[in-house]
C-alpha atoms as a PDB file:
ATOM      1  CA  MET A   1       0.000   0.000   0.000  1.00  0.00           C
ATOM      2  CA  TYR A   2       1.322   3.404  -0.984  1.00  0.00           C
ATOM      3  CA  THR A   3       0.464   6.866   0.287  1.00  0.00           C
ATOM      4  CA  LEU A   4      -0.607   8.935  -2.726  1.00  0.00           C
ATOM      5  CA  THR A   5      -0.599  12.727  -2.480  1.00  0.00           C
ATOM      6  CA  GLY A   6      -1.950  14.710  -5.424  1.00  0.00           C
ATOM      7  CA  HIS A   7      -0.472  17.948  -6.703  1.00  0.00           C
ATOM      8  CA  ASN A   8      -1.146  20.066  -9.823  1.00  0.00           C
ATOM      9  CA  ASN A   9       0.691  17.928 -12.364  1.00  0.00           C
ATOM     10  CA  HIS A  10       2.076  15.026 -10.350  1.00  0.00           C
ATOM     11  CA  ILE A  11       1.363  12.598  -7.543  1.00  0.00           C
ATOM     12  CA  THR A  12       3.864  11.904  -4.780  1.00  0.00           C
ATOM     13  CA  VAL A  13       4.043   8.153  -4.133  1.00  0.00           C
ATOM     14  CA  GLU A  14       5.426   7.139  -0.737  1.00  0.00           C
ATOM     15  CA  ASN A  15       6.122   3.613   0.500  1.00  0.00           C
ATOM     16  CA  GLN A  16       5.967   2.349   4.078  1.00  0.00           C
ATOM     17  CA  SER A  17       9.704   3.001   4.518  1.00  0.00           C
ATOM     18  CA  GLY A  18       9.241   6.712   3.872  1.00  0.00           C
ATOM     19  CA  GLN A  19      10.834   6.595   0.429  1.00  0.00           C
ATOM     20  CA  HIS A  20       9.039   8.562  -2.286  1.00  0.00           C
ATOM     21  CA  PHE A  21       9.067   9.517  -5.953  1.00  0.00           C
ATOM     22  CA  GLN A  22       7.180  11.971  -8.125  1.00  0.00           C
ATOM     23  CA  LEU A  23       4.732  10.385 -10.587  1.00  0.00           C
ATOM     24  CA  ASN A  24       4.250  12.834 -13.452  1.00  0.00           C
ATOM     25  CA  GLY A  25       1.141  12.864 -15.574  1.00  0.00           C
ATOM     26  CA  GLU A  26      -2.048  14.632 -16.478  1.00  0.00           C
ATOM     27  CA  LEU A  27      -5.117  15.255 -14.380  1.00  0.00           C
ATOM     28  CA  VAL A  28      -8.266  14.232 -16.275  1.00  0.00           C
ATOM     29  CA  ARG A  29     -11.907  13.999 -15.315  1.00  0.00           C
ATOM     30  CA  GLY A  30     -12.225  11.147 -12.833  1.00  0.00           C
ATOM     31  CA  GLY A  31      -8.558  10.477 -12.418  1.00  0.00           C
ATOM     32  CA  PHE A  32      -4.944  10.849 -13.403  1.00  0.00           C
ATOM     33  CA  ILE A  33      -3.083   9.499 -16.433  1.00  0.00           C
ATOM     34  CA  ALA A  34       0.416   8.774 -15.158  1.00  0.00           C
ATOM     35  CA  ASP A  35       3.641   8.626 -17.137  1.00  0.00           C
ATOM     36  CA  PRO A  36       5.325   5.303 -16.317  1.00  0.00           C
ATOM     37  CA  ALA A  37       8.687   6.742 -17.456  1.00  0.00           C
ATOM     38  CA  SER A  38       8.642   8.991 -14.373  1.00  0.00           C
ATOM     39  CA  ILE A  39       9.100   5.963 -12.076  1.00  0.00           C
ATOM     40  CA  LYS A  40      12.901   5.960 -11.780  1.00  0.00           C
ATOM     41  CA  ASN A  41      14.229   6.315  -8.230  1.00  0.00           C
ATOM     42  CA  TRP A  42      13.073   6.219  -4.636  1.00  0.00           C
ATOM     43  CA  HIS A  43      14.155   9.292  -2.679  1.00  0.00           C
ATOM     44  CA  LYS A  44      14.598   9.597   1.087  1.00  0.00           C
ATOM     45  CA  ALA A  45      16.599  12.444   2.611  1.00  0.00           C
ATOM     46  CA  ASP A  46      19.922  12.314   0.742  1.00  0.00           C
ATOM     47  CA  GLU A  47      19.484   8.726  -0.457  1.00  0.00           C
ATOM     48  CA  ILE A  48      18.515   7.807  -4.022  1.00  0.00           C
ATOM     49  CA  THR A  49      17.612   4.174  -4.737  1.00  0.00           C
ATOM     50  CA  PRO A  50      17.019   3.089  -8.357  1.00  0.00           C
ATOM     51  CA  ILE A  51      13.718   1.322  -9.095  1.00  0.00           C
ATOM     52  CA  SER A  52      14.124  -1.877 -11.160  1.00  0.00           C
ATOM     53  CA  GLN A  53      11.763  -2.720 -14.014  1.00  0.00           C
ATOM     54  CA  LEU A  54      10.263  -5.542 -11.926  1.00  0.00           C
ATOM     55  CA  GLU A  55       9.591  -3.194  -9.003  1.00  0.00           C
ATOM     56  CA  LYS A  56       8.234  -0.550 -11.406  1.00  0.00           C
ATOM     57  CA  ASP A  57       5.739  -3.085 -12.798  1.00  0.00           C
ATOM     58  CA  GLU A  58       4.710  -4.046  -9.254  1.00  0.00           C
ATOM     59  CA  ILE A  59       4.291  -0.372  -8.267  1.00  0.00           C
ATOM     60  CA  MET A  60       2.074   0.340 -11.285  1.00  0.00           C
ATOM     61  CA  ALA A  61      -0.084  -2.747 -10.637  1.00  0.00           C
ATOM     62  CA  GLN A  62      -0.427  -1.890  -6.921  1.00  0.00           C
ATOM     63  CA  ILE A  63      -1.377   1.746  -7.586  1.00  0.00           C
ATOM     64  CA  MET A  64      -4.018   0.754 -10.156  1.00  0.00           C
ATOM     65  CA  GLN A  65      -5.388  -1.921  -7.784  1.00  0.00           C
ATOM     66  CA  GLN A  66      -5.393   0.546  -4.894  1.00  0.00           C
ATOM     67  CA  THR A  67      -7.531   3.056  -6.848  1.00  0.00           C
ATOM     68  CA  ILE A  68      -9.739   0.648  -8.847  1.00  0.00           C
ATOM     69  CA  HIS A  69     -12.821   1.189  -6.648  1.00  0.00           C
ATOM     70  CA  SER A  70     -12.189   4.891  -6.092  1.00  0.00           C
ATOM     71  CA  PRO A  71     -14.026   7.625  -8.019  1.00  0.00           C
ATOM     72  CA  PHE A  72     -10.511   9.002  -8.697  1.00  0.00           C
ATOM     73  CA  LYS A  73      -8.525   6.385 -10.621  1.00  0.00           C
ATOM     74  CA  ILE A  74      -4.828   6.385 -11.501  1.00  0.00           C
ATOM     75  CA  LEU A  75      -4.028   4.762 -14.835  1.00  0.00           C
ATOM     76  CA  PHE A  76      -0.752   4.568 -16.740  1.00  0.00           C
ATOM     77  CA  ALA A  77      -0.222   5.825 -20.281  1.00  0.00           C
ATOM     78  CA  GLU A  78       1.008   3.285 -22.791  1.00  0.00           C
ATOM     79  CA  PRO A  79       4.648   3.843 -23.800  1.00  0.00           C
ATOM     80  CA  GLY A  80       4.969   5.879 -26.967  1.00  0.00           C
ATOM     81  CA  ILE A  81       1.587   7.572 -26.661  1.00  0.00           C
END
């Protein structure tokens, strides 16, 4: 489970360890279309931890599952669109 905090043009995603990253995208009616390319590194204080492709896939699946029953959904844009 992630803590999701919305801003104008991004969502801050924070894990249970206090690490976070900025998920860029576009606010649309009923949700947010996120750019999967913005999932690169976890940040915590002065530490930067790269996010592997496997972890990135798990993060995207978890975020979509976490918001599936919400009136505000977070979906991910297809690469190249």
